[in-house]
Amino acid sequence: FILKPYFMGYQEFDANYNFVFNSYYE
């Protein structure tokens, strides 16, 4: 919610984490 949309050039640590840890955010 902060780094990816607002911090230019930020690369996420592991692209799988969003899928693995997303509990209920559609």
PDB file of all heavy atoms in Angstrom:
ATOM      1  N   PHE A   1       0.794  -1.228   0.000  1.00  0.00           N
ATOM      2  CA  PHE A   1       0.000   0.000   0.000  1.00  0.00           C
ATOM      3  C   PHE A   1       0.831   1.285   0.000  1.00  0.00           C
ATOM      4  O   PHE A   1       0.302   2.363  -0.277  1.00  0.00           O
ATOM      5  CB  PHE A   1      -0.939   0.017   1.206  1.00  0.00           C
ATOM      6  CG  PHE A   1      -2.001  -1.041   1.148  1.00  0.00           C
ATOM      7  CD1 PHE A   1      -2.397  -1.708   2.295  1.00  0.00           C
ATOM      8  CD2 PHE A   1      -2.607  -1.382  -0.045  1.00  0.00           C
ATOM      9  CE1 PHE A   1      -3.383  -2.683   2.247  1.00  0.00           C
ATOM     10  CE2 PHE A   1      -3.586  -2.350  -0.103  1.00  0.00           C
ATOM     11  CZ  PHE A   1      -3.979  -3.011   1.039  1.00  0.00           C
ATOM     12  N   ILE A   2       2.118   1.175   0.329  1.00  0.00           N
ATOM     13  CA  ILE A   2       2.936   2.396   0.391  1.00  0.00           C
ATOM     14  C   ILE A   2       4.122   2.319  -0.574  1.00  0.00           C
ATOM     15  O   ILE A   2       4.266   3.167  -1.461  1.00  0.00           O
ATOM     16  CB  ILE A   2       3.426   2.664   1.833  1.00  0.00           C
ATOM     17  CG1 ILE A   2       2.222   2.965   2.741  1.00  0.00           C
ATOM     18  CG2 ILE A   2       4.415   3.831   1.854  1.00  0.00           C
ATOM     19  CD1 ILE A   2       2.595   3.230   4.188  1.00  0.00           C
ATOM     20  N   LEU A   3       4.966   1.318  -0.403  1.00  0.00           N
ATOM     21  CA  LEU A   3       6.208   1.296  -1.172  1.00  0.00           C
ATOM     22  C   LEU A   3       5.981   1.095  -2.669  1.00  0.00           C
ATOM     23  O   LEU A   3       6.556   1.817  -3.495  1.00  0.00           O
ATOM     24  CB  LEU A   3       7.131   0.208  -0.623  1.00  0.00           C
ATOM     25  CG  LEU A   3       7.693   0.467   0.781  1.00  0.00           C
ATOM     26  CD1 LEU A   3       8.472  -0.742   1.279  1.00  0.00           C
ATOM     27  CD2 LEU A   3       8.592   1.712   0.770  1.00  0.00           C
ATOM     28  N   LYS A   4       5.166   0.124  -3.023  1.00  0.00           N
ATOM     29  CA  LYS A   4       4.963  -0.159  -4.450  1.00  0.00           C
ATOM     30  C   LYS A   4       4.287   0.998  -5.192  1.00  0.00           C
ATOM     31  O   LYS A   4       4.739   1.378  -6.286  1.00  0.00           O
ATOM     32  CB  LYS A   4       4.177  -1.462  -4.619  1.00  0.00           C
ATOM     33  CG  LYS A   4       5.004  -2.697  -4.256  1.00  0.00           C
ATOM     34  CD  LYS A   4       4.156  -3.949  -4.204  1.00  0.00           C
ATOM     35  CE  LYS A   4       3.607  -4.339  -5.556  1.00  0.00           C
ATOM     36  NZ  LYS A   4       2.888  -5.634  -5.508  1.00  0.00           N
ATOM     37  N   PRO A   5       3.251   1.615  -4.641  1.00  0.00           N
ATOM     38  CA  PRO A   5       2.626   2.716  -5.396  1.00  0.00           C
ATOM     39  C   PRO A   5       3.296   4.077  -5.242  1.00  0.00           C
ATOM     40  O   PRO A   5       3.130   4.940  -6.105  1.00  0.00           O
ATOM     41  CB  PRO A   5       1.200   2.748  -4.835  1.00  0.00           C
ATOM     42  CG  PRO A   5       1.327   2.220  -3.453  1.00  0.00           C
ATOM     43  CD  PRO A   5       2.419   1.195  -3.496  1.00  0.00           C
ATOM     44  N   TYR A   6       4.054   4.287  -4.151  1.00  0.00           N
ATOM     45  CA  TYR A   6       4.536   5.643  -3.861  1.00  0.00           C
ATOM     46  C   TYR A   6       6.060   5.804  -3.889  1.00  0.00           C
ATOM     47  O   TYR A   6       6.551   6.924  -3.968  1.00  0.00           O
ATOM     48  CB  TYR A   6       4.029   6.104  -2.491  1.00  0.00           C
ATOM     49  CG  TYR A   6       2.530   6.276  -2.438  1.00  0.00           C
ATOM     50  CD1 TYR A   6       1.730   5.347  -1.780  1.00  0.00           C
ATOM     51  CD2 TYR A   6       1.917   7.365  -3.042  1.00  0.00           C
ATOM     52  CE1 TYR A   6       0.350   5.498  -1.732  1.00  0.00           C
ATOM     53  CE2 TYR A   6       0.533   7.536  -3.001  1.00  0.00           C
ATOM     54  CZ  TYR A   6      -0.244   6.586  -2.341  1.00  0.00           C
ATOM     55  OH  TYR A   6      -1.607   6.737  -2.293  1.00  0.00           O
ATOM     56  N   PHE A   7       6.819   4.705  -3.807  1.00  0.00           N
ATOM     57  CA  PHE A   7       8.279   4.811  -3.758  1.00  0.00           C
ATOM     58  C   PHE A   7       8.824   4.432  -5.126  1.00  0.00           C
ATOM     59  O   PHE A   7       8.895   3.255  -5.479  1.00  0.00           O
ATOM     60  CB  PHE A   7       8.832   3.894  -2.670  1.00  0.00           C
ATOM     61  CG  PHE A   7      10.264   4.144  -2.318  1.00  0.00           C
ATOM     62  CD1 PHE A   7      10.883   5.356  -2.591  1.00  0.00           C
ATOM     63  CD2 PHE A   7      11.018   3.153  -1.702  1.00  0.00           C
ATOM     64  CE1 PHE A   7      12.207   5.587  -2.262  1.00  0.00           C
ATOM     65  CE2 PHE A   7      12.339   3.369  -1.361  1.00  0.00           C
ATOM     66  CZ  PHE A   7      12.937   4.588  -1.646  1.00  0.00           C
ATOM     67  N   MET A   8       9.191   5.431  -5.889  1.00  0.00           N
ATOM     68  CA  MET A   8       9.613   5.210  -7.269  1.00  0.00           C
ATOM     69  C   MET A   8      10.818   4.271  -7.340  1.00  0.00           C
ATOM     70  O   MET A   8      11.787   4.416  -6.610  1.00  0.00           O
ATOM     71  CB  MET A   8       9.953   6.549  -7.933  1.00  0.00           C
ATOM     72  CG  MET A   8      10.293   6.442  -9.420  1.00  0.00           C
ATOM     73  SD  MET A   8      10.562   8.069 -10.180  1.00  0.00           S
ATOM     74  CE  MET A   8       8.908   8.773 -10.008  1.00  0.00           C
ATOM     75  N   GLY A   9      10.709   3.275  -8.196  1.00  0.00           N
ATOM     76  CA  GLY A   9      11.800   2.339  -8.410  1.00  0.00           C
ATOM     77  C   GLY A   9      11.819   1.179  -7.436  1.00  0.00           C
ATOM     78  O   GLY A   9      12.700   0.304  -7.540  1.00  0.00           O
ATOM     79  N   TYR A  10      10.863   1.123  -6.520  1.00  0.00           N
ATOM     80  CA  TYR A  10      10.871   0.033  -5.538  1.00  0.00           C
ATOM     81  C   TYR A  10      10.576  -1.302  -6.214  1.00  0.00           C
ATOM     82  O   TYR A  10       9.672  -1.419  -7.033  1.00  0.00           O
ATOM     83  CB  TYR A  10       9.834   0.284  -4.448  1.00  0.00           C
ATOM     84  CG  TYR A  10       9.769  -0.849  -3.439  1.00  0.00           C
ATOM     85  CD1 TYR A  10      10.727  -0.974  -2.439  1.00  0.00           C
ATOM     86  CD2 TYR A  10       8.767  -1.806  -3.513  1.00  0.00           C
ATOM     87  CE1 TYR A  10      10.680  -2.021  -1.534  1.00  0.00           C
ATOM     88  CE2 TYR A  10       8.706  -2.854  -2.605  1.00  0.00           C
ATOM     89  CZ  TYR A  10       9.670  -2.953  -1.616  1.00  0.00           C
ATOM     90  OH  TYR A  10       9.628  -3.993  -0.716  1.00  0.00           O
ATOM     91  N   GLN A  11      11.367  -2.307  -5.870  1.00  0.00           N
ATOM     92  CA  GLN A  11      11.169  -3.668  -6.346  1.00  0.00           C
ATOM     93  C   GLN A  11      10.776  -4.542  -5.167  1.00  0.00           C
ATOM     94  O   GLN A  11      11.474  -4.587  -4.154  1.00  0.00           O
ATOM     95  CB  GLN A  11      12.459  -4.206  -6.990  1.00  0.00           C
ATOM     96  CG  GLN A  11      12.908  -3.442  -8.223  1.00  0.00           C
ATOM     97  CD  GLN A  11      11.927  -3.614  -9.378  1.00  0.00           C
ATOM     98  OE1 GLN A  11      11.415  -4.708  -9.618  1.00  0.00           O
ATOM     99  NE2 GLN A  11      11.672  -2.520 -10.099  1.00  0.00           N
ATOM    100  N   GLU A  12       9.636  -5.243  -5.302  1.00  0.00           N
ATOM    101  CA  GLU A  12       9.182  -6.055  -4.182  1.00  0.00           C
ATOM    102  C   GLU A  12      10.158  -7.182  -3.892  1.00  0.00           C
ATOM    103  O   GLU A  12      10.852  -7.683  -4.777  1.00  0.00           O
ATOM    104  CB  GLU A  12       7.784  -6.603  -4.434  1.00  0.00           C
ATOM    105  CG  GLU A  12       7.627  -7.422  -5.681  1.00  0.00           C
ATOM    106  CD  GLU A  12       6.167  -7.737  -5.967  1.00  0.00           C
ATOM    107  OE1 GLU A  12       5.381  -7.855  -5.008  1.00  0.00           O
ATOM    108  OE2 GLU A  12       5.809  -7.855  -7.144  1.00  0.00           O
ATOM    109  N   PHE A  13      10.210  -7.576  -2.632  1.00  0.00           N
ATOM    110  CA  PHE A  13      11.171  -8.566  -2.171  1.00  0.00           C
ATOM    111  C   PHE A  13      10.932  -9.921  -2.833  1.00  0.00           C
ATOM    112  O   PHE A  13      11.867 -10.578  -3.293  1.00  0.00           O
ATOM    113  CB  PHE A  13      11.078  -8.696  -0.654  1.00  0.00           C
ATOM    114  CG  PHE A  13      12.006  -9.712  -0.054  1.00  0.00           C
ATOM    115  CD1 PHE A  13      13.332  -9.396   0.184  1.00  0.00           C
ATOM    116  CD2 PHE A  13      11.555 -10.986   0.284  1.00  0.00           C
ATOM    117  CE1 PHE A  13      14.201 -10.336   0.748  1.00  0.00           C
ATOM    118  CE2 PHE A  13      12.411 -11.924   0.853  1.00  0.00           C
ATOM    119  CZ  PHE A  13      13.739 -11.590   1.081  1.00  0.00           C
ATOM    120  N   ASP A  14       9.689 -10.360  -2.858  1.00  0.00           N
ATOM    121  CA  ASP A  14       9.347 -11.651  -3.458  1.00  0.00           C
ATOM    122  C   ASP A  14       7.929 -11.520  -4.004  1.00  0.00           C
ATOM    123  O   ASP A  14       6.972 -11.318  -3.251  1.00  0.00           O
ATOM    124  CB  ASP A  14       9.405 -12.764  -2.418  1.00  0.00           C
ATOM    125  CG  ASP A  14       9.260 -14.158  -3.026  1.00  0.00           C
ATOM    126  OD1 ASP A  14       8.448 -14.305  -3.961  1.00  0.00           O
ATOM    127  OD2 ASP A  14       9.924 -15.094  -2.564  1.00  0.00           O
ATOM    128  N   ALA A  15       7.771 -11.656  -5.318  1.00  0.00           N
ATOM    129  CA  ALA A  15       6.469 -11.469  -5.960  1.00  0.00           C
ATOM    130  C   ALA A  15       5.443 -12.491  -5.481  1.00  0.00           C
ATOM    131  O   ALA A  15       4.233 -12.254  -5.596  1.00  0.00           O
ATOM    132  CB  ALA A  15       6.628 -11.543  -7.477  1.00  0.00           C
ATOM    133  N   ASN A  16       5.889 -13.626  -4.951  1.00  0.00           N
ATOM    134  CA  ASN A  16       4.954 -14.651  -4.482  1.00  0.00           C
ATOM    135  C   ASN A  16       4.312 -14.311  -3.147  1.00  0.00           C
ATOM    136  O   ASN A  16       3.264 -14.857  -2.793  1.00  0.00           O
ATOM    137  CB  ASN A  16       5.671 -16.005  -4.357  1.00  0.00           C
ATOM    138  CG  ASN A  16       6.054 -16.587  -5.703  1.00  0.00           C
ATOM    139  OD1 ASN A  16       5.285 -16.503  -6.662  1.00  0.00           O
ATOM    140  ND2 ASN A  16       7.240 -17.173  -5.784  1.00  0.00           N
ATOM    141  N   TYR A  17       4.953 -13.416  -2.377  1.00  0.00           N
ATOM    142  CA  TYR A  17       4.453 -13.146  -1.027  1.00  0.00           C
ATOM    143  C   TYR A  17       3.051 -12.551  -1.045  1.00  0.00           C
ATOM    144  O   TYR A  17       2.231 -12.849  -0.171  1.00  0.00           O
ATOM    145  CB  TYR A  17       5.416 -12.206  -0.293  1.00  0.00           C
ATOM    146  CG  TYR A  17       6.619 -12.896   0.309  1.00  0.00           C
ATOM    147  CD1 TYR A  17       6.924 -14.202  -0.022  1.00  0.00           C
ATOM    148  CD2 TYR A  17       7.450 -12.237   1.207  1.00  0.00           C
ATOM    149  CE1 TYR A  17       8.031 -14.840   0.523  1.00  0.00           C
ATOM    150  CE2 TYR A  17       8.549 -12.863   1.766  1.00  0.00           C
ATOM    151  CZ  TYR A  17       8.838 -14.164   1.420  1.00  0.00           C
ATOM    152  OH  TYR A  17       9.931 -14.789   1.974  1.00  0.00           O
ATOM    153  N   ASN A  18       2.773 -11.718  -2.028  1.00  0.00           N
ATOM    154  CA  ASN A  18       1.447 -11.101  -2.072  1.00  0.00           C
ATOM    155  C   ASN A  18       0.363 -12.164  -2.226  1.00  0.00           C
ATOM    156  O   ASN A  18      -0.710 -12.067  -1.627  1.00  0.00           O
ATOM    157  CB  ASN A  18       1.369 -10.101  -3.220  1.00  0.00           C
ATOM    158  CG  ASN A  18       0.102  -9.275  -3.178  1.00  0.00           C
ATOM    159  OD1 ASN A  18      -0.051  -8.404  -2.330  1.00  0.00           O
ATOM    160  ND2 ASN A  18      -0.817  -9.551  -4.083  1.00  0.00           N
ATOM    161  N   PHE A  19       0.624 -13.177  -3.024  1.00  0.00           N
ATOM    162  CA  PHE A  19      -0.325 -14.268  -3.222  1.00  0.00           C
ATOM    163  C   PHE A  19      -0.396 -15.173  -2.001  1.00  0.00           C
ATOM    164  O   PHE A  19      -1.478 -15.549  -1.534  1.00  0.00           O
ATOM    165  CB  PHE A  19       0.082 -15.080  -4.454  1.00  0.00           C
ATOM    166  CG  PHE A  19      -0.724 -16.339  -4.651  1.00  0.00           C
ATOM    167  CD1 PHE A  19      -2.051 -16.270  -5.054  1.00  0.00           C
ATOM    168  CD2 PHE A  19      -0.144 -17.577  -4.431  1.00  0.00           C
ATOM    169  CE1 PHE A  19      -2.788 -17.441  -5.235  1.00  0.00           C
ATOM    170  CE2 PHE A  19      -0.874 -18.746  -4.611  1.00  0.00           C
ATOM    171  CZ  PHE A  19      -2.199 -18.676  -5.009  1.00  0.00           C
ATOM    172  N   VAL A  20       0.754 -15.508  -1.451  1.00  0.00           N
ATOM    173  CA  VAL A  20       0.815 -16.448  -0.331  1.00  0.00           C
ATOM    174  C   VAL A  20       0.188 -15.870   0.931  1.00  0.00           C
ATOM    175  O   VAL A  20      -0.539 -16.564   1.656  1.00  0.00           O
ATOM    176  CB  VAL A  20       2.281 -16.854  -0.058  1.00  0.00           C
ATOM    177  CG1 VAL A  20       2.393 -17.633   1.249  1.00  0.00           C
ATOM    178  CG2 VAL A  20       2.828 -17.676  -1.210  1.00  0.00           C
ATOM    179  N   PHE A  21       0.445 -14.578   1.214  1.00  0.00           N
ATOM    180  CA  PHE A  21       0.032 -14.001   2.492  1.00  0.00           C
ATOM    181  C   PHE A  21      -1.277 -13.219   2.430  1.00  0.00           C
ATOM    182  O   PHE A  21      -1.783 -12.793   3.465  1.00  0.00           O
ATOM    183  CB  PHE A  21       1.129 -13.075   3.021  1.00  0.00           C
ATOM    184  CG  PHE A  21       2.358 -13.807   3.490  1.00  0.00           C
ATOM    185  CD1 PHE A  21       3.607 -13.486   2.976  1.00  0.00           C
ATOM    186  CD2 PHE A  21       2.264 -14.796   4.444  1.00  0.00           C
ATOM    187  CE1 PHE A  21       4.746 -14.151   3.410  1.00  0.00           C
ATOM    188  CE2 PHE A  21       3.382 -15.466   4.881  1.00  0.00           C
ATOM    189  CZ  PHE A  21       4.630 -15.145   4.369  1.00  0.00           C
ATOM    190  N   ASN A  22      -1.815 -13.001   1.253  1.00  0.00           N
ATOM    191  CA  ASN A  22      -3.056 -12.238   1.163  1.00  0.00           C
ATOM    192  C   ASN A  22      -4.191 -13.031   1.796  1.00  0.00           C
ATOM    193  O   ASN A  22      -4.583 -14.082   1.295  1.00  0.00           O
ATOM    194  CB  ASN A  22      -3.374 -11.935  -0.302  1.00  0.00           C
ATOM    195  CG  ASN A  22      -4.609 -11.070  -0.458  1.00  0.00           C
ATOM    196  OD1 ASN A  22      -5.195 -10.614   0.510  1.00  0.00           O
ATOM    197  ND2 ASN A  22      -5.006 -10.852  -1.708  1.00  0.00           N
ATOM    198  N   SER A  23      -4.719 -12.522   2.903  1.00  0.00           N
ATOM    199  CA  SER A  23      -5.722 -13.271   3.651  1.00  0.00           C
ATOM    200  C   SER A  23      -7.139 -13.047   3.151  1.00  0.00           C
ATOM    201  O   SER A  23      -7.943 -13.965   3.138  1.00  0.00           O
ATOM    202  CB  SER A  23      -5.636 -12.931   5.143  1.00  0.00           C
ATOM    203  OG  SER A  23      -5.726 -11.533   5.337  1.00  0.00           O
ATOM    204  N   TYR A  24      -7.478 -11.784   2.756  1.00  0.00           N
ATOM    205  CA  TYR A  24      -8.860 -11.554   2.316  1.00  0.00           C
ATOM    206  C   TYR A  24      -9.032 -10.369   1.372  1.00  0.00           C
ATOM    207  O   TYR A  24     -10.145 -10.043   0.998  1.00  0.00           O
ATOM    208  CB  TYR A  24      -9.784 -11.371   3.524  1.00  0.00           C
ATOM    209  CG  TYR A  24      -9.423 -10.259   4.480  1.00  0.00           C
ATOM    210  CD1 TYR A  24      -9.672  -8.926   4.167  1.00  0.00           C
ATOM    211  CD2 TYR A  24      -8.844 -10.542   5.716  1.00  0.00           C
ATOM    212  CE1 TYR A  24      -9.363  -7.911   5.041  1.00  0.00           C
ATOM    213  CE2 TYR A  24      -8.533  -9.529   6.606  1.00  0.00           C
ATOM    214  CZ  TYR A  24      -8.793  -8.217   6.267  1.00  0.00           C
ATOM    215  OH  TYR A  24      -8.480  -7.214   7.149  1.00  0.00           O
ATOM    216  N   TYR A  25      -7.964  -9.702   0.981  1.00  0.00           N
ATOM    217  CA  TYR A  25      -8.092  -8.515   0.134  1.00  0.00           C
ATOM    218  C   TYR A  25      -8.276  -8.909  -1.330  1.00  0.00           C
ATOM    219  O   TYR A  25      -7.336  -9.313  -2.011  1.00  0.00           O
ATOM    220  CB  TYR A  25      -6.865  -7.622   0.274  1.00  0.00           C
ATOM    221  CG  TYR A  25      -6.752  -6.939   1.609  1.00  0.00           C
ATOM    222  CD1 TYR A  25      -6.035  -7.506   2.652  1.00  0.00           C
ATOM    223  CD2 TYR A  25      -7.384  -5.716   1.838  1.00  0.00           C
ATOM    224  CE1 TYR A  25      -5.936  -6.880   3.889  1.00  0.00           C
ATOM    225  CE2 TYR A  25      -7.287  -5.078   3.067  1.00  0.00           C
ATOM    226  CZ  TYR A  25      -6.563  -5.670   4.084  1.00  0.00           C
ATOM    227  OH  TYR A  25      -6.472  -5.042   5.290  1.00  0.00           O
ATOM    228  N   GLU A  26      -9.502  -8.776  -1.820  1.00  0.00           N
ATOM    229  CA  GLU A  26      -9.793  -9.115  -3.211  1.00  0.00           C
ATOM    230  C   GLU A  26      -9.159  -8.113  -4.174  1.00  0.00           C
ATOM    231  O   GLU A  26      -8.782  -8.457  -5.282  1.00  0.00           O
ATOM    232  CB  GLU A  26     -11.314  -9.137  -3.424  1.00  0.00           C
ATOM    233  CG  GLU A  26     -12.080 -10.099  -2.522  1.00  0.00           C
ATOM    234  CD  GLU A  26     -11.933 -11.545  -2.950  1.00  0.00           C
ATOM    235  OE1 GLU A  26     -11.307 -11.779  -4.013  1.00  0.00           O
ATOM    236  OE2 GLU A  26     -12.427 -12.431  -2.224  1.00  0.00           O
TER     237      GLU A  26
END
